[in-house]
C-alpha cells in the first residue's frame, strides 16, 4: 500500500533518488532515440488524420511527451498524440475549429489534474475488460475507415463524420481510386508487417515511410504529399500562447473537454498498466493523472492537442531497455531536434504512406486474439464486447463505454441470480 504522500511523487524523483549513472543515461538515450524514430511518422499521421497539420502532432509529442515523463507516475510511460483520439479530435475540429480544440485540450488538462488530486486514478481499474476490448476494436474500425480515402487516393467532394455515411461516400467515389496511391499504401503495410517479422528491433514504421517517400519521388508517382496538402512545415515550435477564451467558446469546448478527459484517463492508465505487466513494477495512477493534466495544458499552450499515454510507444520504450523516465524526456528532445533540423524533409512524405501506417495501427489496436477467445467461451461477455463496439462505431465513444458498463452490470446481476 502506497503512502498518501508518495501517490503524487513523480517516478523521476524516485528513480533519481535510487542513484543514476552514466550507464543509465546511455540506456535511456538509446531507448529515447528508438521511441522517437517510432513517434516521428506516427505523430504526423495521427495529426493529419485528426484534421490538423502534421506539425501539431510533433508539438504534442515534444511538449506533452516531455511533461508526461518528467511528472508522471510511471517509469516507462511515453506520452504523445494517440490514435484513440483521432475520432474525437477530428469531430471537435469540425465543430468548433482549431482554436476550440486547443481550448478543449487545456480544459481537459485541468480536469485530468483534478482527478489525480482527488485520487480517482484507481477507478480506471474497475472498467470491465470486455468494455475495453469492444471500445478498442470500435476505435480501430473508425480509424481504418477514416484512412480509406488516403489509402486509395480517393477524391471526395465532401466528407461525413458518421462511419456509415463515410463508407457510402467512399463507395460512390470508388471510380477516383489512384492505383499509385493504393500500391504505395499497400507496399508500406507489407513492409511494416515483413520487417516486424524478420527484424523486430528495426524501426519498421520509419523505414517503410522513408522508402515509400524515396520511391514516390524517384518514380514521380502521382500521389499527394504532406507538402501538397499543408505546405512547408514550420522549422521551429510555436511560442507559448493562451487560446482565445470567451463564455461562448468555453461553453462550446466544455463537452469536448469532458470526452477528452474520460478517454485520456482510460488510455493513459491502461498504457501504464501495460508497462507494469512488462516490467513487474507498479505505477502511481494519481501522479500519472496529474502529469497527464499538466501535459495537456502544456501541449495546448504550444499549439498541440490531446496528450495521453501511448501503449505501443510505451511498450517500445520498455523493449528498448529504458531505465527511467529520462528516456521519455529524451524521446521528446529527439523529436524536437528533428523539427529544428529536418522538418522540410517531411514534406516529401506521401499521405498514402502515412495512411498505411495508421492502417497497421488500427489493426494492432483491436485485440483480436482476446476478443475471439471471449466470443468462443463466454457469450455474456461477448455481448458486452459487441454492444460496446457497435455503439462506439455507430454512435459515440463515451456512450459506448457507458452502454458497455451498463450491460456488464446487468450480466453480473443476472449471473448472481439464484
Protein backbone atom coordinates (compact mmCIF):
# COMPACT_ATOMS: atom_id res chain seq x y z
CA UNK A 1 0.00 0.00 0.00
CA UNK A 2 1.46 3.32 -1.06
CA UNK A 3 1.78 6.14 1.45
CA UNK A 4 -0.53 9.07 0.77
CA UNK A 5 2.35 11.42 0.01
CA UNK A 6 4.07 9.02 -2.39
CA UNK A 7 0.94 8.72 -4.53
CA UNK A 8 1.72 12.09 -6.07
CA UNK A 9 5.52 11.84 -6.28
CA UNK A 10 6.78 11.64 -9.89
CA UNK A 11 8.63 8.44 -10.66
CA UNK A 12 11.53 10.54 -11.98
CA UNK A 13 12.26 11.79 -8.47
CA UNK A 14 12.05 8.29 -7.00
CA UNK A 15 14.29 6.86 -9.72
CA UNK A 16 16.95 9.56 -9.39
CA UNK A 17 16.94 9.09 -5.60
CA UNK A 18 17.97 5.46 -6.16
CA UNK A 19 21.08 6.64 -8.00
CA UNK A 20 21.53 7.42 -11.67
CA UNK A 21 24.80 6.96 -13.52
CA UNK A 22 26.31 7.24 -16.98
CA UNK A 23 25.30 3.69 -17.92
CA UNK A 24 21.70 4.53 -17.09
CA UNK A 25 21.89 7.66 -19.25
CA UNK A 26 23.29 5.69 -22.20
CA UNK A 27 20.49 3.12 -21.93
CA UNK A 28 17.84 5.83 -21.67
CA UNK A 29 19.30 7.78 -24.59
CA UNK A 30 19.20 4.70 -26.84
CA UNK A 31 15.64 3.89 -25.77
CA UNK A 32 14.58 7.52 -26.25
CA UNK A 33 16.04 7.60 -29.75
CA UNK A 34 14.30 4.33 -30.61
CA UNK A 35 10.95 5.66 -29.44
CA UNK A 36 11.47 8.97 -31.25
CA UNK A 37 12.03 7.11 -34.52
CA UNK A 38 8.65 5.40 -33.99
CA UNK A 39 6.95 8.60 -32.83
CA UNK A 40 8.02 10.78 -35.78
CA UNK A 41 5.85 9.31 -38.56
CA UNK A 42 3.13 8.26 -36.13
CA UNK A 43 2.70 11.72 -34.59
CA UNK A 44 2.35 13.34 -38.00
CA UNK A 45 -0.01 10.63 -39.25
CA UNK A 46 -2.28 10.96 -36.21
CA UNK A 47 -2.34 14.75 -36.52
CA UNK A 48 -3.30 14.61 -40.21
CA UNK A 49 -5.99 12.01 -39.56
CA UNK A 50 -7.29 14.24 -36.74
CA UNK A 51 -7.84 17.13 -39.13
CA UNK A 52 -4.91 19.32 -38.09
CA UNK A 53 -1.48 19.98 -39.58
CA UNK A 54 1.31 17.42 -39.08
CA UNK A 55 3.37 19.94 -37.11
CA UNK A 56 0.67 19.89 -34.41
CA UNK A 57 1.40 16.22 -33.84
CA UNK A 58 5.08 17.00 -33.39
CA UNK A 59 4.31 19.82 -30.93
CA UNK A 60 2.15 17.40 -28.96
CA UNK A 61 4.87 14.74 -28.86
CA UNK A 62 7.55 17.26 -27.85
CA UNK A 63 5.78 19.21 -25.10
CA UNK A 64 3.30 16.60 -23.94
CA UNK A 65 5.79 13.74 -24.14
CA UNK A 66 8.40 15.63 -22.10
CA UNK A 67 5.96 16.62 -19.34
CA UNK A 68 4.34 13.17 -19.07
CA UNK A 69 7.73 11.56 -18.47
CA UNK A 70 9.05 14.29 -16.18
CA UNK A 71 6.00 14.42 -13.89
CA UNK A 72 4.31 11.05 -14.39
CA UNK A 73 3.73 8.12 -12.09
CA UNK A 74 5.27 5.52 -14.41
CA UNK A 75 8.95 4.88 -15.10
CA UNK A 76 8.29 3.95 -18.71
CA UNK A 77 5.22 5.83 -19.92
CA UNK A 78 5.57 7.64 -23.25
CA UNK A 79 3.10 10.45 -23.86
CA UNK A 80 2.03 11.99 -27.13
CA UNK A 81 -0.79 12.07 -29.67
CA UNK A 82 -2.72 8.79 -29.77
CA UNK A 83 -4.75 7.03 -32.41
CA UNK A 84 -7.61 6.61 -29.96
CA UNK A 85 -8.19 10.37 -30.08
CA UNK A 86 -8.43 10.68 -33.86
CA UNK A 87 -12.21 10.33 -33.92
CA UNK A 88 -12.86 12.86 -31.15
CA UNK A 89 -10.27 15.38 -32.27
CA UNK A 90 -11.41 15.41 -35.89
CA UNK A 91 -15.04 15.82 -34.81
CA UNK A 92 -14.05 18.60 -32.40
CA UNK A 93 -12.12 20.49 -35.09
CA UNK A 94 -15.01 20.11 -37.49
CA UNK A 95 -17.46 21.58 -34.98
CA UNK A 96 -15.54 24.27 -33.08
CA UNK A 97 -12.33 24.72 -35.08
CA UNK A 98 -8.65 24.55 -34.16
CA UNK A 99 -8.88 27.29 -31.53
CA UNK A 100 -11.75 25.41 -29.91
CA UNK A 101 -9.72 22.20 -29.93
CA UNK A 102 -6.80 23.88 -28.18
CA UNK A 103 -9.13 25.38 -25.57
CA UNK A 104 -10.82 22.00 -25.01
CA UNK A 105 -7.40 20.38 -24.61
CA UNK A 106 -6.44 22.91 -21.95
CA UNK A 107 -9.72 22.44 -20.08
CA UNK A 108 -9.26 18.69 -20.23
CA UNK A 109 -5.79 19.10 -18.74
CA UNK A 110 -7.25 20.89 -15.74
CA UNK A 111 -9.87 18.15 -15.31
CA UNK A 112 -7.30 15.36 -15.50
CA UNK A 113 -5.10 17.05 -12.92
CA UNK A 114 -8.13 17.50 -10.66
CA UNK A 115 -8.99 13.80 -11.00
CA UNK A 116 -5.46 12.97 -9.88
CA UNK A 117 -5.67 15.31 -6.89
CA UNK A 118 -8.98 13.68 -5.93
CA UNK A 119 -7.27 10.26 -6.16
CA UNK A 120 -9.57 8.97 -8.86
CA UNK A 121 -6.75 7.15 -10.67
CA UNK A 122 -7.58 3.76 -9.22
CA UNK A 123 -11.14 3.84 -10.60
CA UNK A 124 -9.97 3.02 -14.14
CA UNK A 125 -9.02 -0.46 -12.93
CA UNK A 126 -12.71 -1.22 -12.43
CA UNK A 127 -13.66 -0.76 -16.09
CA UNK A 128 -14.54 -4.29 -17.31
CA UNK A 129 -12.12 -5.93 -19.71
CA UNK A 130 -14.94 -6.68 -22.15
CA UNK A 131 -15.75 -2.99 -22.36
CA UNK A 132 -12.13 -2.04 -23.09
CA UNK A 133 -11.91 -4.77 -25.76
CA UNK A 134 -15.05 -3.56 -27.52
CA UNK A 135 -14.00 0.06 -27.12
CA UNK A 136 -10.55 -0.52 -28.63
CA UNK A 137 -11.99 -2.52 -31.52
CA UNK A 138 -14.53 0.21 -32.23
CA UNK A 139 -11.88 2.92 -32.33
CA UNK A 140 -9.74 0.71 -34.59
CA UNK A 141 -12.63 0.34 -37.03
CA UNK A 142 -13.27 4.09 -37.12
CA UNK A 143 -9.57 4.86 -37.66
CA UNK A 144 -9.36 2.40 -40.55
CA UNK A 145 -12.47 3.78 -42.23
CA UNK A 146 -11.09 7.30 -41.86
CA UNK A 147 -7.95 6.27 -43.75
CA UNK A 148 -9.58 4.58 -46.74
CA UNK A 149 -9.62 7.89 -48.63
CA UNK A 150 -5.84 8.36 -48.43
CA UNK A 151 -5.09 4.65 -48.71
CA UNK A 152 -6.64 4.67 -52.16
CA UNK A 153 -6.01 8.30 -53.08
CA UNK A 154 -9.77 8.74 -53.44
CA UNK A 155 -11.14 12.16 -54.31
CA UNK A 156 -14.17 13.18 -52.26
CA UNK A 157 -16.25 16.27 -52.94
CA UNK A 158 -17.42 16.21 -49.32
CA UNK A 159 -16.80 14.17 -46.18
CA UNK A 160 -19.04 12.83 -43.42
CA UNK A 161 -18.26 12.15 -39.75
CA UNK A 162 -20.54 9.11 -39.39
CA UNK A 163 -18.96 5.80 -40.40
CA UNK A 164 -21.96 4.60 -42.45
CA UNK A 165 -22.20 7.92 -44.32
CA UNK A 166 -18.45 7.99 -44.92
CA UNK A 167 -18.50 4.48 -46.37
CA UNK A 168 -21.37 5.44 -48.67
CA UNK A 169 -19.43 8.46 -49.96
CA UNK A 170 -16.28 6.38 -50.47
CA UNK A 171 -18.21 3.77 -52.42
CA UNK A 172 -19.77 6.43 -54.61
CA UNK A 173 -16.30 7.85 -55.33
CA UNK A 174 -14.65 4.49 -55.96
CA UNK A 175 -14.00 5.46 -59.57
CA UNK A 176 -11.42 8.03 -58.42
CA UNK A 177 -9.12 5.45 -56.78
CA UNK A 178 -5.47 6.15 -57.60
CA UNK A 179 -3.54 2.96 -58.50
CA UNK A 180 -0.29 4.66 -57.46
CA UNK A 181 -1.60 5.62 -54.00
CA UNK A 182 -3.14 2.19 -53.49
CA UNK A 183 0.09 0.44 -54.47
CA UNK A 184 2.17 2.74 -52.26
CA UNK A 185 -0.01 2.30 -49.16
CA UNK A 186 -0.12 -1.46 -49.74
CA UNK A 187 3.66 -1.55 -50.03
CA UNK A 188 4.02 0.39 -46.75
CA UNK A 189 1.70 -2.02 -44.94
CA UNK A 190 3.52 -5.01 -46.40
CA UNK A 191 6.94 -3.60 -45.49
CA UNK A 192 5.91 -2.92 -41.88
CA UNK A 193 4.49 -6.41 -41.45
CA UNK A 194 7.54 -8.03 -43.05
CA UNK A 195 10.07 -6.01 -41.07
CA UNK A 196 8.33 -6.79 -37.78
CA UNK A 197 8.67 -10.49 -38.55
CA UNK A 198 12.23 -10.65 -39.88
CA UNK A 199 13.76 -7.72 -37.96
CA UNK A 200 11.53 -6.94 -34.97
CA UNK A 201 14.01 -4.45 -33.50
CA UNK A 202 14.21 -2.38 -36.68
CA UNK A 203 12.24 0.91 -36.84
CA UNK A 204 9.72 -0.56 -39.27
CA UNK A 205 7.43 2.49 -39.43
CA UNK A 206 10.23 4.93 -40.28
CA UNK A 207 11.90 2.57 -42.76
CA UNK A 208 8.64 1.90 -44.59
CA UNK A 209 7.66 5.58 -44.77
CA UNK A 210 11.16 6.67 -45.83
CA UNK A 211 11.32 4.01 -48.56
CA UNK A 212 7.87 4.98 -49.83
CA UNK A 213 8.85 8.66 -49.91
CA UNK A 214 12.03 7.91 -51.88
CA UNK A 215 10.15 5.66 -54.30
CA UNK A 216 7.42 8.24 -54.88
CA UNK A 217 9.97 10.97 -55.56
CA UNK A 218 12.26 8.85 -57.75
CA UNK A 219 9.42 7.42 -59.85
CA UNK A 220 7.46 10.70 -59.93
CA UNK A 221 4.36 8.92 -58.71
CA UNK A 222 1.15 10.97 -58.91
CA UNK A 223 0.41 10.85 -55.18
CA UNK A 224 -0.39 13.65 -52.76
CA UNK A 225 2.32 14.52 -50.22
CA UNK A 226 2.34 16.41 -46.95
CA UNK A 227 3.65 19.47 -48.81
CA UNK A 228 0.82 19.29 -51.35
CA UNK A 229 -1.81 19.48 -48.63
CA UNK A 230 -0.12 21.52 -45.88
CA UNK A 231 2.83 23.33 -47.44
CA UNK A 232 6.19 23.63 -45.66
CA UNK A 233 6.28 22.54 -42.03
CA UNK A 234 7.44 25.16 -39.51
CA UNK A 235 11.08 24.68 -38.54
CA UNK A 236 10.63 25.99 -35.00
CA UNK A 237 8.00 25.32 -32.35
CA UNK A 238 5.29 27.88 -31.71
CA UNK A 239 5.78 30.38 -28.92
CA UNK A 240 3.53 29.64 -25.93
CA UNK A 241 0.18 31.43 -26.05
CA UNK A 242 -3.15 31.17 -24.29
CA UNK A 243 -6.07 30.13 -26.51
CA UNK A 244 -8.87 32.58 -27.19
CA UNK A 245 -11.35 32.49 -24.31
CA UNK A 246 -14.94 33.69 -24.13
CA UNK A 247 -18.09 32.49 -22.44
CA UNK A 248 -19.40 31.09 -25.73
CA UNK A 249 -16.06 29.46 -26.52
CA UNK A 250 -15.84 27.81 -23.10
CA UNK A 251 -19.40 26.53 -23.38
CA UNK A 252 -18.66 25.03 -26.81
CA UNK A 253 -15.37 23.47 -25.69
CA UNK A 254 -16.59 22.00 -22.39
CA UNK A 255 -18.41 18.92 -23.79
CA UNK A 256 -15.34 18.02 -25.84
CA UNK A 257 -13.08 18.55 -22.84
CA UNK A 258 -15.18 16.11 -20.80
CA UNK A 259 -14.83 13.47 -23.52
CA UNK A 260 -11.09 14.09 -23.86
CA UNK A 261 -10.74 13.70 -20.09
CA UNK A 262 -12.59 10.40 -19.96
CA UNK A 263 -10.71 8.91 -22.89
CA UNK A 264 -7.37 10.34 -21.75
CA UNK A 265 -7.68 8.93 -18.24
CA UNK A 266 -8.59 5.48 -19.53
CA UNK A 267 -5.97 5.35 -22.27
CA UNK A 268 -3.07 6.68 -20.16
CA UNK A 269 -3.70 4.43 -17.17
CA UNK A 270 -4.21 1.35 -19.35
CA UNK A 271 -0.88 2.15 -21.00
CA UNK A 272 0.80 2.46 -17.60
CA UNK A 273 -0.70 -0.89 -16.59
CA UNK A 274 0.76 -2.48 -19.73
CA UNK A 275 4.20 -1.16 -18.70
CA UNK A 276 3.64 -2.59 -15.21
CA UNK A 277 2.87 -6.01 -16.68
CA UNK A 278 6.02 -5.92 -18.83
CA UNK A 279 8.35 -4.77 -16.03
CA UNK A 280 6.71 -6.21 -12.88
CA UNK A 281 6.56 -2.73 -11.38
CA UNK A 282 3.69 -0.57 -10.16
CA UNK A 283 2.81 2.89 -11.43
CA UNK A 284 1.24 5.67 -9.36
CA UNK A 285 -2.10 6.34 -11.03
CA UNK A 286 -2.87 9.62 -9.30
CA UNK A 287 0.55 11.08 -10.10
CA UNK A 288 0.04 9.88 -13.66
CA UNK A 289 -3.28 11.69 -14.00
CA UNK A 290 -1.77 14.92 -12.66
CA UNK A 291 1.08 14.61 -15.15
CA UNK A 292 -1.36 13.97 -18.00
CA UNK A 293 -3.25 17.07 -16.94
CA UNK A 294 -0.17 19.29 -16.89
CA UNK A 295 0.97 17.79 -20.21
CA UNK A 296 -2.33 18.62 -21.90
CA UNK A 297 -2.18 22.19 -20.62
CA UNK A 298 1.42 22.49 -21.82
CA UNK A 299 0.59 20.97 -25.20
CA UNK A 300 -2.28 23.43 -25.69
CA UNK A 301 -0.06 26.39 -24.77
CA UNK A 302 2.38 25.43 -27.54
CA UNK A 303 -0.25 24.74 -30.20
CA UNK A 304 -0.56 20.99 -29.69
CA UNK A 305 -3.62 18.93 -28.90
CA UNK A 306 -4.63 15.97 -26.72
CA UNK A 307 -1.82 14.09 -24.97
CA UNK A 308 -2.15 10.66 -23.43
CA UNK A 309 -0.05 7.63 -22.59
CA UNK A 310 0.56 5.61 -25.75
CA UNK A 311 0.62 1.84 -25.38
CA UNK A 312 2.70 1.00 -28.46
CA UNK A 313 5.38 3.63 -27.82
CA UNK A 314 5.48 2.78 -24.11
CA UNK A 315 5.99 -0.90 -24.93
CA UNK A 316 8.72 0.07 -27.41
CA UNK A 317 10.40 2.09 -24.67
CA UNK A 318 10.42 -0.90 -22.34
CA UNK A 319 11.73 -3.28 -25.00
CA UNK A 320 14.45 -0.79 -25.96
CA UNK A 321 15.91 -1.02 -22.45
CA UNK A 322 14.74 2.21 -20.82
CA UNK A 323 15.71 2.53 -17.18
CA UNK A 324 13.91 5.69 -16.09
CA UNK A 325 11.57 8.50 -17.20
CA UNK A 326 14.65 10.22 -18.64
CA UNK A 327 14.15 8.01 -21.73
CA UNK A 328 10.75 9.56 -22.38
CA UNK A 329 12.09 13.07 -21.86
CA UNK A 330 14.92 12.38 -24.31
CA UNK A 331 12.45 10.98 -26.84
CA UNK A 332 10.70 14.35 -26.82
CA UNK A 333 14.00 16.19 -27.29
CA UNK A 334 14.92 13.95 -30.24
CA UNK A 335 11.59 14.79 -31.89
CA UNK A 336 12.33 18.48 -31.27
CA UNK A 337 15.74 18.05 -32.91
CA UNK A 338 14.04 16.60 -36.00
CA UNK A 339 11.67 19.58 -36.15
CA UNK A 340 14.58 22.03 -35.93
CA UNK A 341 16.88 20.32 -38.43
CA UNK A 342 14.86 18.17 -40.80
CA UNK A 343 11.29 19.47 -41.00
CA UNK A 344 11.48 20.19 -44.79
CA UNK A 345 12.15 16.51 -45.46
CA UNK A 346 8.70 15.65 -44.09
CA UNK A 347 7.08 17.49 -47.00
CA UNK A 348 8.06 14.64 -49.34
CA UNK A 349 6.14 12.02 -47.36
CA UNK A 350 3.13 10.72 -49.34
CA UNK A 351 -0.17 10.82 -47.48
CA UNK A 352 -0.82 7.27 -48.70
CA UNK A 353 2.27 6.12 -46.77
CA UNK A 354 1.03 7.68 -43.52
CA UNK A 355 -2.40 6.17 -44.13
CA UNK A 356 -0.68 2.78 -44.40
CA UNK A 357 0.96 3.40 -41.02
CA UNK A 358 -2.39 4.17 -39.41
CA UNK A 359 -3.98 1.12 -41.02
CA UNK A 360 -1.38 -1.02 -39.24
CA UNK A 361 -2.01 0.90 -36.00
CA UNK A 362 -5.74 0.22 -36.31
CA UNK A 363 -5.16 -3.49 -36.95
CA UNK A 364 -2.90 -3.79 -33.91
CA UNK A 365 -5.23 -1.73 -31.71
CA UNK A 366 -8.01 -4.31 -31.93
CA UNK A 367 -7.02 -7.15 -29.60
CA UNK A 368 -8.31 -9.81 -31.97
CA UNK A 369 -6.98 -12.84 -30.12
CA UNK A 370 -8.59 -11.92 -26.82
CA UNK A 371 -11.86 -10.93 -28.49
CA UNK A 372 -12.05 -14.24 -30.37
CA UNK A 373 -11.32 -16.17 -27.17
CA UNK A 374 -14.14 -14.39 -25.33
CA UNK A 375 -16.51 -14.86 -28.25
CA UNK A 376 -15.90 -18.59 -28.18
CA UNK A 377 -16.04 -19.21 -24.44
CA UNK A 378 -18.14 -16.51 -22.76
CA UNK A 379 -21.32 -15.40 -24.51
CA UNK A 380 -22.42 -12.81 -21.91
CA UNK A 381 -19.04 -11.06 -22.12
CA UNK A 382 -19.16 -11.39 -25.89
CA UNK A 383 -22.45 -9.46 -25.81
CA UNK A 384 -20.75 -6.69 -23.81
CA UNK A 385 -17.93 -6.50 -26.36
CA UNK A 386 -20.37 -6.43 -29.29
CA UNK A 387 -22.62 -3.77 -27.77
CA UNK A 388 -19.68 -1.53 -26.86
CA UNK A 389 -18.20 -1.96 -30.33
CA UNK A 390 -21.44 -1.15 -32.15
CA UNK A 391 -22.29 1.91 -30.04
CA UNK A 392 -18.73 3.27 -30.40
CA UNK A 393 -18.77 2.83 -34.18
CA UNK A 394 -22.33 3.92 -34.89
CA UNK A 395 -22.97 6.49 -32.15
CA UNK A 396 -20.35 7.87 -29.75
CA UNK A 397 -17.20 6.85 -27.86
CA UNK A 398 -18.35 7.90 -24.39
CA UNK A 399 -21.81 6.45 -24.96
CA UNK A 400 -20.16 3.19 -25.99
CA UNK A 401 -18.31 2.97 -22.67
CA UNK A 402 -21.48 3.76 -20.71
CA UNK A 403 -23.55 1.24 -22.67
CA UNK A 404 -20.94 -1.47 -22.22
CA UNK A 405 -20.62 -0.84 -18.48
CA UNK A 406 -24.42 -0.83 -18.09
CA UNK A 407 -24.73 -4.19 -19.85
CA UNK A 408 -21.85 -5.54 -17.75
CA UNK A 409 -23.81 -4.66 -14.59
CA UNK A 410 -26.86 -6.48 -15.98
CA UNK A 411 -24.74 -9.51 -16.86
CA UNK A 412 -23.18 -9.51 -13.38
CA UNK A 413 -26.56 -9.28 -11.63
CA UNK A 414 -28.01 -11.99 -13.87
CA UNK A 415 -25.11 -14.30 -13.01
CA UNK A 416 -25.78 -13.71 -9.30
CA UNK A 417 -29.46 -14.51 -9.70
CA UNK A 418 -30.38 -17.64 -7.69
